[in-house]
Amino acid sequence: MYLAKYRPGKPWIILIAFLGILYGFIVAKFVPSFKPTLLLDKYPAMGESISIIDFSYMKNKIPVINIIIGAMKVTFVAVLETLISARIADN
């Protein structure tokens, strides 16, 4: 808040978020005495059952066509909102 108020015009929130991620990584890997509680520490089964990259757990649960149709609907609404915003800005 201080940076945004006294040094306006720069996206400070991006820098602060990056520094927070960097701090968390360094502390979790190299300073075990100050290690923050991670989700994996709190819920260890989460790391075993579901992977971010492996979507095999969704096999035969949601048809791919439904995911594609849902993505197209979201895309359509996003394009409409962009066009409406551009029209309002033009006026």
Foldseek 3Di string as FASTA:
>chain_A
DVCCVVPNDDPVVVVVVVVVVVVQVCCCPPPVVPHDDDPCNVPVVVVVPDDPPDPPVCPPPDDPVVVVVVVVVVVVVVVVVVVVVVVVVVD
